[in-house]
Structure formats: structure tokens, C-alpha cells
Amino acid sequence: MQLTLEFGGGLELLCDSKKIHNVNVEQQNGEDKLTMKGLLSWVRTNLIKERPEMFMKGDTVRPGVLVLVNDCDWELSGQLSTSLEDKDVVVFISTLHGG
């Protein structure tokens, strides 16, 4: 499944300072559909190069990370259970900044 992943607000620093990633993600464990939970696990394993605790807490994103799926807040579409389709765009933006 082809997806575009975008990281902003400083999260790109965890991914070799690259903001946009065009990736091919396969469903895990014979699942019919890829969900955000599966995608986050894939991102932790394949894209995050350092300090994964700055991006994830447990099996979800840390508080303060805004997640958009095709420009829609994932809180409106089911969060971890949100189903993904081919060519979806998923954006992760950190809203926490130092002062």
C-alpha cells in the first residue's frame, strides 16, 4: 500500500530530517486492512531513527502530536482503528515546542 507520510513541528528530526516520506507499507499478520495502529508500529520500526519516545508512547502517538489522515483529524475517524487506503496522506505534527 502506497502512503505519503509527512512529519512536521520538529518530528522530522527523528526521521533523518526528512519531512515527506513516500512509503510502501504491507498489512501485518494477515490483516485485511492497514490501520493507524499498524502504521504507527511500522513507522517506529522503519522510519524513526532516534528517540522513538519523542514520537510514541505505548502503541499510540505522544500527547501533543496532531495526526491528520487526508487532512482530517484522526480523532474524528477512529484514531488507532482508522483504516487506511492506498495513496492516503498521513501527517504528524508536534504541537509542543520549547520556549
PDB file of N, CA and C in Angstrom:
ATOM      1  N   MET A   1       0.842  -1.173   0.000  1.00  0.00           N
ATOM      2  CA  MET A   1       0.000   0.000   0.000  1.00  0.00           C
ATOM      3  C   MET A   1       0.887   1.236   0.000  1.00  0.00           C
ATOM      4  N   GLN A   2       0.719   2.079  -0.991  1.00  0.00           N
ATOM      5  CA  GLN A   2       1.497   3.313  -1.100  1.00  0.00           C
ATOM      6  C   GLN A   2       0.881   4.397  -0.223  1.00  0.00           C
ATOM      7  N   LEU A   3       1.685   4.995   0.644  1.00  0.00           N
ATOM      8  CA  LEU A   3       1.241   6.076   1.514  1.00  0.00           C
ATOM      9  C   LEU A   3       2.246   7.206   1.465  1.00  0.00           C
ATOM     10  N   THR A   4       1.771   8.409   1.720  1.00  0.00           N
ATOM     11  CA  THR A   4       2.658   9.551   1.907  1.00  0.00           C
ATOM     12  C   THR A   4       2.582   9.936   3.374  1.00  0.00           C
ATOM     13  N   LEU A   5       3.729   9.955   4.034  1.00  0.00           N
ATOM     14  CA  LEU A   5       3.810  10.328   5.440  1.00  0.00           C
ATOM     15  C   LEU A   5       4.576  11.637   5.542  1.00  0.00           C
ATOM     16  N   GLU A   6       4.006  12.581   6.277  1.00  0.00           N
ATOM     17  CA  GLU A   6       4.644  13.880   6.464  1.00  0.00           C
ATOM     18  C   GLU A   6       4.859  14.123   7.949  1.00  0.00           C
ATOM     19  N   PHE A   7       6.033  14.632   8.298  1.00  0.00           N
ATOM     20  CA  PHE A   7       6.391  14.911   9.684  1.00  0.00           C
ATOM     21  C   PHE A   7       6.730  16.388   9.805  1.00  0.00           C
ATOM     22  N   GLY A   8       6.168  17.062  10.811  1.00  0.00           N
ATOM     23  CA  GLY A   8       6.430  18.491  10.988  1.00  0.00           C
ATOM     24  C   GLY A   8       6.492  18.876  12.453  1.00  0.00           C
ATOM     25  N   GLY A   9       6.760  20.138  12.696  1.00  0.00           N
ATOM     26  CA  GLY A   9       6.828  20.648  14.052  1.00  0.00           C
ATOM     27  C   GLY A   9       8.007  20.115  14.840  1.00  0.00           C
ATOM     28  N   GLY A  10       9.025  19.644  14.143  1.00  0.00           N
ATOM     29  CA  GLY A  10      10.219  19.096  14.796  1.00  0.00           C
ATOM     30  C   GLY A  10      10.296  17.582  14.725  1.00  0.00           C
ATOM     31  N   LEU A  11       9.189  16.899  14.429  1.00  0.00           N
ATOM     32  CA  LEU A  11       9.215  15.434  14.360  1.00  0.00           C
ATOM     33  C   LEU A  11      10.093  14.923  13.225  1.00  0.00           C
ATOM     34  N   GLU A  12      10.290  15.763  12.201  1.00  0.00           N
ATOM     35  CA  GLU A  12      11.132  15.334  11.081  1.00  0.00           C
ATOM     36  C   GLU A  12      12.574  15.069  11.532  1.00  0.00           C
ATOM     37  N   LEU A  13      12.981  15.669  12.643  1.00  0.00           N
ATOM     38  CA  LEU A  13      14.332  15.454  13.156  1.00  0.00           C
ATOM     39  C   LEU A  13      14.546  14.010  13.600  1.00  0.00           C
ATOM     40  N   LEU A  14      13.450  13.313  13.910  1.00  0.00           N
ATOM     41  CA  LEU A  14      13.548  11.910  14.315  1.00  0.00           C
ATOM     42  C   LEU A  14      13.679  10.986  13.114  1.00  0.00           C
ATOM     43  N   CYS A  15      13.458  11.525  11.921  1.00  0.00           N
ATOM     44  CA  CYS A  15      13.468  10.733  10.669  1.00  0.00           C
ATOM     45  C   CYS A  15      14.531  11.260   9.712  1.00  0.00           C
ATOM     46  N   ASP A  16      15.726  11.429  10.198  1.00  0.00           N
ATOM     47  CA  ASP A  16      16.835  11.942   9.367  1.00  0.00           C
ATOM     48  C   ASP A  16      16.536  13.294   8.750  1.00  0.00           C
ATOM     49  N   SER A  17      15.765  14.129   9.428  1.00  0.00           N
ATOM     50  CA  SER A  17      15.427  15.487   8.982  1.00  0.00           C
ATOM     51  C   SER A  17      14.697  15.522   7.639  1.00  0.00           C
ATOM     52  N   LYS A  18      14.045  14.443   7.291  1.00  0.00           N
ATOM     53  CA  LYS A  18      13.274  14.394   6.054  1.00  0.00           C
ATOM     54  C   LYS A  18      11.800  14.529   6.404  1.00  0.00           C
ATOM     55  N   LYS A  19      11.133  15.530   5.807  1.00  0.00           N
ATOM     56  CA  LYS A  19       9.735  15.812   6.164  1.00  0.00           C
ATOM     57  C   LYS A  19       8.738  14.903   5.466  1.00  0.00           C
ATOM     58  N   ILE A  20       8.967  14.569   4.203  1.00  0.00           N
ATOM     59  CA  ILE A  20       7.992  13.804   3.425  1.00  0.00           C
ATOM     60  C   ILE A  20       8.587  12.458   3.033  1.00  0.00           C
ATOM     61  N   HIS A  21       7.841  11.401   3.313  1.00  0.00           N
ATOM     62  CA  HIS A  21       8.271  10.034   3.005  1.00  0.00           C
ATOM     63  C   HIS A  21       7.183   9.357   2.180  1.00  0.00           C
ATOM     64  N   ASN A  22       7.518   8.914   0.983  1.00  0.00           N
ATOM     65  CA  ASN A  22       6.616   8.097   0.173  1.00  0.00           C
ATOM     66  C   ASN A  22       6.997   6.654   0.440  1.00  0.00           C
ATOM     67  N   VAL A  23       6.084   5.905   1.082  1.00  0.00           N
ATOM     68  CA  VAL A  23       6.424   4.571   1.558  1.00  0.00           C
ATOM     69  C   VAL A  23       5.445   3.526   1.031  1.00  0.00           C
ATOM     70  N   ASN A  24       5.898   2.286   1.063  1.00  0.00           N
ATOM     71  CA  ASN A  24       5.070   1.141   0.722  1.00  0.00           C
ATOM     72  C   ASN A  24       4.958   0.286   1.981  1.00  0.00           C
ATOM     73  N   VAL A  25       3.756   0.214   2.548  1.00  0.00           N
ATOM     74  CA  VAL A  25       3.538  -0.486   3.807  1.00  0.00           C
ATOM     75  C   VAL A  25       2.630  -1.687   3.549  1.00  0.00           C
ATOM     76  N   GLU A  26       3.074  -2.855   3.982  1.00  0.00           N
ATOM     77  CA  GLU A  26       2.263  -4.071   3.836  1.00  0.00           C
ATOM     78  C   GLU A  26       1.463  -4.311   5.117  1.00  0.00           C
ATOM     79  N   GLN A  27       0.279  -4.896   4.967  1.00  0.00           N
ATOM     80  CA  GLN A  27      -0.530  -5.231   6.126  1.00  0.00           C
ATOM     81  C   GLN A  27       0.205  -6.254   6.986  1.00  0.00           C
ATOM     82  N   GLN A  28       0.006  -6.150   8.282  1.00  0.00           N
ATOM     83  CA  GLN A  28       0.686  -7.030   9.231  1.00  0.00           C
ATOM     84  C   GLN A  28      -0.204  -8.211   9.607  1.00  0.00           C
ATOM     85  N   ASN A  29       0.386  -9.350   9.845  1.00  0.00           N
ATOM     86  CA  ASN A  29      -0.301 -10.524  10.396  1.00  0.00           C
ATOM     87  C   ASN A  29      -1.558 -10.916   9.631  1.00  0.00           C
ATOM     88  N   GLY A  30      -1.537 -10.784   8.327  1.00  0.00           N
ATOM     89  CA  GLY A  30      -2.668 -11.210   7.516  1.00  0.00           C
ATOM     90  C   GLY A  30      -3.920 -10.375   7.661  1.00  0.00           C
ATOM     91  N   GLU A  31      -3.797  -9.157   8.181  1.00  0.00           N
ATOM     92  CA  GLU A  31      -4.962  -8.284   8.340  1.00  0.00           C
ATOM     93  C   GLU A  31      -5.496  -7.876   6.973  1.00  0.00           C
ATOM     94  N   ASP A  32      -6.813  -7.689   6.901  1.00  0.00           N
ATOM     95  CA  ASP A  32      -7.442  -7.276   5.651  1.00  0.00           C
ATOM     96  C   ASP A  32      -7.109  -5.832   5.304  1.00  0.00           C
ATOM     97  N   LYS A  33      -7.108  -4.965   6.319  1.00  0.00           N
ATOM     98  CA  LYS A  33      -6.868  -3.547   6.090  1.00  0.00           C
ATOM     99  C   LYS A  33      -5.760  -3.055   7.004  1.00  0.00           C
ATOM    100  N   LEU A  34      -5.004  -2.106   6.503  1.00  0.00           N
ATOM    101  CA  LEU A  34      -3.999  -1.451   7.333  1.00  0.00           C
ATOM    102  C   LEU A  34      -4.697  -0.393   8.176  1.00  0.00           C
ATOM    103  N   THR A  35      -4.430  -0.397   9.471  1.00  0.00           N
ATOM    104  CA  THR A  35      -4.987   0.610  10.369  1.00  0.00           C
ATOM    105  C   THR A  35      -3.870   1.535  10.848  1.00  0.00           C
ATOM    106  N   MET A  36      -4.260   2.619  11.487  1.00  0.00           N
ATOM    107  CA  MET A  36      -3.265   3.533  12.031  1.00  0.00           C
ATOM    108  C   MET A  36      -2.398   2.836  13.081  1.00  0.00           C
ATOM    109  N   LYS A  37      -2.960   1.909  13.829  1.00  0.00           N
ATOM    110  CA  LYS A  37      -2.162   1.179  14.818  1.00  0.00           C
ATOM    111  C   LYS A  37      -1.034   0.419  14.125  1.00  0.00           C
ATOM    112  N   GLY A  38      -1.362  -0.257  13.025  1.00  0.00           N
ATOM    113  CA  GLY A  38      -0.341  -0.974  12.271  1.00  0.00           C
ATOM    114  C   GLY A  38       0.671  -0.038  11.642  1.00  0.00           C
ATOM    115  N   LEU A  39       0.194   1.104  11.144  1.00  0.00           N
ATOM    116  CA  LEU A  39       1.101   2.079  10.535  1.00  0.00           C
ATOM    117  C   LEU A  39       2.077   2.633  11.566  1.00  0.00           C
ATOM    118  N   LEU A  40       1.578   2.965  12.750  1.00  0.00           N
ATOM    119  CA  LEU A  40       2.470   3.509  13.784  1.00  0.00           C
ATOM    120  C   LEU A  40       3.554   2.512  14.165  1.00  0.00           C
ATOM    121  N   SER A  41       3.199   1.251  14.247  1.00  0.00           N
ATOM    122  CA  SER A  41       4.197   0.215  14.528  1.00  0.00           C
ATOM    123  C   SER A  41       5.231   0.167  13.410  1.00  0.00           C
ATOM    124  N   TRP A  42       4.778   0.258  12.165  1.00  0.00           N
ATOM    125  CA  TRP A  42       5.681   0.241  11.013  1.00  0.00           C
ATOM    126  C   TRP A  42       6.599   1.460  11.037  1.00  0.00           C
ATOM    127  N   VAL A  43       6.040   2.637  11.347  1.00  0.00           N
ATOM    128  CA  VAL A  43       6.838   3.870  11.400  1.00  0.00           C
ATOM    129  C   VAL A  43       7.919   3.754  12.468  1.00  0.00           C
ATOM    130  N   ARG A  44       7.546   3.247  13.637  1.00  0.00           N
ATOM    131  CA  ARG A  44       8.530   3.100  14.727  1.00  0.00           C
ATOM    132  C   ARG A  44       9.687   2.201  14.292  1.00  0.00           C
ATOM    133  N   THR A  45       9.374   1.127  13.586  1.00  0.00           N
ATOM    134  CA  THR A  45      10.401   0.168  13.173  1.00  0.00           C
ATOM    135  C   THR A  45      11.219   0.648  11.983  1.00  0.00           C
ATOM    136  N   ASN A  46      10.596   1.326  11.023  1.00  0.00           N
ATOM    137  CA  ASN A  46      11.245   1.612   9.745  1.00  0.00           C
ATOM    138  C   ASN A  46      11.664   3.053   9.489  1.00  0.00           C
ATOM    139  N   LEU A  47      11.033   4.029  10.145  1.00  0.00           N
ATOM    140  CA  LEU A  47      11.359   5.427   9.838  1.00  0.00           C
ATOM    141  C   LEU A  47      12.042   6.175  10.975  1.00  0.00           C
ATOM    142  N   ILE A  48      11.625   5.918  12.202  1.00  0.00           N
ATOM    143  CA  ILE A  48      12.185   6.664  13.329  1.00  0.00           C
ATOM    144  C   ILE A  48      13.622   6.195  13.560  1.00  0.00           C
ATOM    145  N   LYS A  49      14.553   7.110  13.415  1.00  0.00           N
ATOM    146  CA  LYS A  49      15.977   6.767  13.525  1.00  0.00           C
ATOM    147  C   LYS A  49      16.524   6.970  14.932  1.00  0.00           C
ATOM    148  N   GLU A  50      15.900   7.859  15.703  1.00  0.00           N
ATOM    149  CA  GLU A  50      16.388   8.116  17.048  1.00  0.00           C
ATOM    150  C   GLU A  50      15.250   8.598  17.932  1.00  0.00           C
ATOM    151  N   ARG A  51      15.361   8.345  19.206  1.00  0.00           N
ATOM    152  CA  ARG A  51      14.433   8.801  20.236  1.00  0.00           C
ATOM    153  C   ARG A  51      12.961   8.541  19.902  1.00  0.00           C
ATOM    154  N   PRO A  52      12.583   7.286  19.688  1.00  0.00           N
ATOM    155  CA  PRO A  52      11.175   6.990  19.371  1.00  0.00           C
ATOM    156  C   PRO A  52      10.207   7.426  20.470  1.00  0.00           C
ATOM    157  N   GLU A  53      10.713   7.572  21.696  1.00  0.00           N
ATOM    158  CA  GLU A  53       9.850   8.016  22.794  1.00  0.00           C
ATOM    159  C   GLU A  53       9.363   9.452  22.602  1.00  0.00           C
ATOM    160  N   MET A  54      10.013  10.206  21.721  1.00  0.00           N
ATOM    161  CA  MET A  54       9.560  11.572  21.419  1.00  0.00           C
ATOM    162  C   MET A  54       8.361  11.568  20.464  1.00  0.00           C
ATOM    163  N   PHE A  55       8.129  10.442  19.805  1.00  0.00           N
ATOM    164  CA  PHE A  55       7.039  10.315  18.842  1.00  0.00           C
ATOM    165  C   PHE A  55       5.900   9.456  19.390  1.00  0.00           C
ATOM    166  N   MET A  56       6.244   8.372  20.072  1.00  0.00           N
ATOM    167  CA  MET A  56       5.220   7.431  20.518  1.00  0.00           C
ATOM    168  C   MET A  56       5.294   7.184  22.015  1.00  0.00           C
ATOM    169  N   LYS A  57       4.131   6.883  22.578  1.00  0.00           N
ATOM    170  CA  LYS A  57       4.020   6.458  23.969  1.00  0.00           C
ATOM    171  C   LYS A  57       3.113   5.235  23.956  1.00  0.00           C
ATOM    172  N   GLY A  58       3.676   4.070  24.268  1.00  0.00           N
ATOM    173  CA  GLY A  58       2.921   2.820  24.134  1.00  0.00           C
ATOM    174  C   GLY A  58       2.717   2.518  22.661  1.00  0.00           C
ATOM    175  N   ASP A  59       1.478   2.253  22.264  1.00  0.00           N
ATOM    176  CA  ASP A  59       1.210   1.934  20.855  1.00  0.00           C
ATOM    177  C   ASP A  59       0.546   3.082  20.104  1.00  0.00           C
ATOM    178  N   THR A  60       0.578   4.291  20.682  1.00  0.00           N
ATOM    179  CA  THR A  60      -0.013   5.455  20.020  1.00  0.00           C
ATOM    180  C   THR A  60       0.973   6.620  20.048  1.00  0.00           C
ATOM    181  N   VAL A  61       0.593   7.726  19.428  1.00  0.00           N
ATOM    182  CA  VAL A  61       1.476   8.896  19.434  1.00  0.00           C
ATOM    183  C   VAL A  61       1.427   9.560  20.804  1.00  0.00           C
ATOM    184  N   ARG A  62       2.471  10.283  21.117  1.00  0.00           N
ATOM    185  CA  ARG A  62       2.523  11.015  22.383  1.00  0.00           C
ATOM    186  C   ARG A  62       1.470  12.117  22.393  1.00  0.00           C
ATOM    187  N   PRO A  63       1.010  12.501  23.581  1.00  0.00           N
ATOM    188  CA  PRO A  63       0.140  13.675  23.661  1.00  0.00           C
ATOM    189  C   PRO A  63       0.867  14.881  23.066  1.00  0.00           C
ATOM    190  N   GLY A  64       0.162  15.704  22.327  1.00  0.00           N
ATOM    191  CA  GLY A  64       0.776  16.866  21.693  1.00  0.00           C
ATOM    192  C   GLY A  64       1.165  16.633  20.250  1.00  0.00           C
ATOM    193  N   VAL A  65       0.943  15.417  19.729  1.00  0.00           N
ATOM    194  CA  VAL A  65       1.202  15.142  18.315  1.00  0.00           C
ATOM    195  C   VAL A  65      -0.141  15.106  17.595  1.00  0.00           C
ATOM    196  N   LEU A  66      -0.334  16.058  16.688  1.00  0.00           N
ATOM    197  CA  LEU A  66      -1.547  16.128  15.879  1.00  0.00           C
ATOM    198  C   LEU A  66      -1.389  15.168  14.709  1.00  0.00           C
ATOM    199  N   VAL A  67      -2.409  14.329  14.484  1.00  0.00           N
ATOM    200  CA  VAL A  67      -2.373  13.364  13.388  1.00  0.00           C
ATOM    201  C   VAL A  67      -3.527  13.673  12.437  1.00  0.00           C
ATOM    202  N   LEU A  68      -3.194  13.858  11.171  1.00  0.00           N
ATOM    203  CA  LEU A  68      -4.200  14.104  10.139  1.00  0.00           C
ATOM    204  C   LEU A  68      -4.129  12.990   9.104  1.00  0.00           C
ATOM    205  N   VAL A  69      -5.282  12.432   8.755  1.00  0.00           N
ATOM    206  CA  VAL A  69      -5.376  11.440   7.691  1.00  0.00           C
ATOM    207  C   VAL A  69      -6.180  12.077   6.576  1.00  0.00           C
ATOM    208  N   ASN A  70      -5.528  12.352   5.447  1.00  0.00           N
ATOM    209  CA  ASN A  70      -6.161  13.066   4.332  1.00  0.00           C
ATOM    210  C   ASN A  70      -6.796  14.371   4.807  1.00  0.00           C
ATOM    211  N   ASP A  71      -6.024  15.136   5.577  1.00  0.00           N
ATOM    212  CA  ASP A  71      -6.418  16.448   6.102  1.00  0.00           C
ATOM    213  C   ASP A  71      -7.552  16.416   7.114  1.00  0.00           C
ATOM    214  N   CYS A  72      -7.867  15.246   7.661  1.00  0.00           N
ATOM    215  CA  CYS A  72      -8.909  15.109   8.676  1.00  0.00           C
ATOM    216  C   CYS A  72      -8.271  14.630   9.985  1.00  0.00           C
ATOM    217  N   ASP A  73      -8.597  15.303  11.085  1.00  0.00           N
ATOM    218  CA  ASP A  73      -8.075  14.916  12.394  1.00  0.00           C
ATOM    219  C   ASP A  73      -8.458  13.468  12.687  1.00  0.00           C
ATOM    220  N   TRP A  74      -7.473  12.660  13.035  1.00  0.00           N
ATOM    221  CA  TRP A  74      -7.738  11.239  13.241  1.00  0.00           C
ATOM    222  C   TRP A  74      -8.668  10.983  14.412  1.00  0.00           C
ATOM    223  N   GLU A  75      -8.834  11.967  15.314  1.00  0.00           N
ATOM    224  CA  GLU A  75      -9.774  11.798  16.422  1.00  0.00           C
ATOM    225  C   GLU A  75     -11.214  11.716  15.918  1.00  0.00           C
ATOM    226  N   LEU A  76     -11.463  12.215  14.709  1.00  0.00           N
ATOM    227  CA  LEU A  76     -12.799  12.149  14.122  1.00  0.00           C
ATOM    228  C   LEU A  76     -13.020  10.871  13.328  1.00  0.00           C
ATOM    229  N   SER A  77     -11.933  10.134  13.058  1.00  0.00           N
ATOM    230  CA  SER A  77     -12.070   8.947  12.206  1.00  0.00           C
ATOM    231  C   SER A  77     -11.743   7.634  12.925  1.00  0.00           C
ATOM    232  N   GLY A  78     -11.533   7.689  14.237  1.00  0.00           N
ATOM    233  CA  GLY A  78     -11.329   6.445  14.973  1.00  0.00           C
ATOM    234  C   GLY A  78      -9.949   6.232  15.560  1.00  0.00           C
ATOM    235  N   GLN A  79      -9.068   7.209  15.460  1.00  0.00           N
ATOM    236  CA  GLN A  79      -7.705   7.131  15.989  1.00  0.00           C
ATOM    237  C   GLN A  79      -6.990   5.855  15.546  1.00  0.00           C
ATOM    238  N   LEU A  80      -6.605   4.984  16.486  1.00  0.00           N
ATOM    239  CA  LEU A  80      -5.814   3.799  16.140  1.00  0.00           C
ATOM    240  C   LEU A  80      -6.548   2.841  15.208  1.00  0.00           C
ATOM    241  N   SER A  81      -7.873   2.840  15.241  1.00  0.00           N
ATOM    242  CA  SER A  81      -8.643   1.921  14.406  1.00  0.00           C
ATOM    243  C   SER A  81      -8.953   2.495  13.021  1.00  0.00           C
ATOM    244  N   THR A  82      -8.488   3.709  12.738  1.00  0.00           N
ATOM    245  CA  THR A  82      -8.710   4.319  11.429  1.00  0.00           C
ATOM    246  C   THR A  82      -8.127   3.431  10.330  1.00  0.00           C
ATOM    247  N   SER A  83      -8.950   3.053   9.354  1.00  0.00           N
ATOM    248  CA  SER A  83      -8.487   2.243   8.221  1.00  0.00           C
ATOM    249  C   SER A  83      -7.840   3.141   7.182  1.00  0.00           C
ATOM    250  N   LEU A  84      -6.752   2.651   6.620  1.00  0.00           N
ATOM    251  CA  LEU A  84      -6.036   3.409   5.593  1.00  0.00           C
ATOM    252  C   LEU A  84      -6.251   2.783   4.229  1.00  0.00           C
ATOM    253  N   GLU A  85      -6.240   3.632   3.213  1.00  0.00           N
ATOM    254  CA  GLU A  85      -6.408   3.205   1.824  1.00  0.00           C
ATOM    255  C   GLU A  85      -5.130   3.545   1.052  1.00  0.00           C
ATOM    256  N   ASP A  86      -4.978   2.908  -0.096  1.00  0.00           N
ATOM    257  CA  ASP A  86      -3.844   3.199  -0.957  1.00  0.00           C
ATOM    258  C   ASP A  86      -3.823   4.681  -1.311  1.00  0.00           C
ATOM    259  N   LYS A  87      -2.640   5.284  -1.285  1.00  0.00           N
ATOM    260  CA  LYS A  87      -2.398   6.680  -1.632  1.00  0.00           C
ATOM    261  C   LYS A  87      -2.900   7.691  -0.591  1.00  0.00           C
ATOM    262  N   ASP A  88      -3.237   7.223   0.617  1.00  0.00           N
ATOM    263  CA  ASP A  88      -3.604   8.146   1.687  1.00  0.00           C
ATOM    264  C   ASP A  88      -2.393   8.981   2.087  1.00  0.00           C
ATOM    265  N   VAL A  89      -2.679  10.156   2.642  1.00  0.00           N
ATOM    266  CA  VAL A  89      -1.643  11.045   3.159  1.00  0.00           C
ATOM    267  C   VAL A  89      -1.853  11.166   4.668  1.00  0.00           C
ATOM    268  N   VAL A  90      -0.820  10.809   5.436  1.00  0.00           N
ATOM    269  CA  VAL A  90      -0.888  10.877   6.892  1.00  0.00           C
ATOM    270  C   VAL A  90       0.159  11.888   7.351  1.00  0.00           C
ATOM    271  N   VAL A  91      -0.304  12.881   8.143  1.00  0.00           N
ATOM    272  CA  VAL A  91       0.576  13.955   8.596  1.00  0.00           C
ATOM    273  C   VAL A  91       0.672  13.892  10.119  1.00  0.00           C
ATOM    274  N   PHE A  92       1.895  13.996  10.622  1.00  0.00           N
ATOM    275  CA  PHE A  92       2.168  14.035  12.056  1.00  0.00           C
ATOM    276  C   PHE A  92       2.821  15.376  12.355  1.00  0.00           C
ATOM    277  N   ILE A  93       2.201  16.171  13.256  1.00  0.00           N
ATOM    278  CA  ILE A  93       2.745  17.486  13.597  1.00  0.00           C
ATOM    279  C   ILE A  93       2.844  17.598  15.111  1.00  0.00           C
ATOM    280  N   SER A  94       4.022  17.916  15.599  1.00  0.00           N
ATOM    281  CA  SER A  94       4.195  18.155  17.021  1.00  0.00           C
ATOM    282  C   SER A  94       3.698  19.562  17.339  1.00  0.00           C
ATOM    283  N   THR A  95       2.833  19.648  18.354  1.00  0.00           N
ATOM    284  CA  THR A  95       2.341  20.964  18.775  1.00  0.00           C
ATOM    285  C   THR A  95       3.083  21.457  20.009  1.00  0.00           C
ATOM    286  N   LEU A  96       4.078  20.683  20.463  1.00  0.00           N
ATOM    287  CA  LEU A  96       4.850  21.052  21.643  1.00  0.00           C
ATOM    288  C   LEU A  96       6.187  21.636  21.217  1.00  0.00           C
ATOM    289  N   HIS A  97       6.469  22.825  21.694  1.00  0.00           N
ATOM    290  CA  HIS A  97       7.713  23.497  21.317  1.00  0.00           C
ATOM    291  C   HIS A  97       8.343  24.077  22.569  1.00  0.00           C
ATOM    292  N   GLY A  98       9.655  24.132  22.577  1.00  0.00           N
ATOM    293  CA  GLY A  98      10.361  24.730  23.682  1.00  0.00           C
ATOM    294  C   GLY A  98      10.158  26.242  23.723  1.00  0.00           C
ATOM    295  N   GLY A  99      10.438  26.829  24.849  1.00  0.00           N
ATOM    296  CA  GLY A  99      10.198  28.272  24.981  1.00  0.00           C
ATOM    297  C   GLY A  99      11.453  29.031  25.257  1.00  0.00           C
TER     298      GLY A  99
END
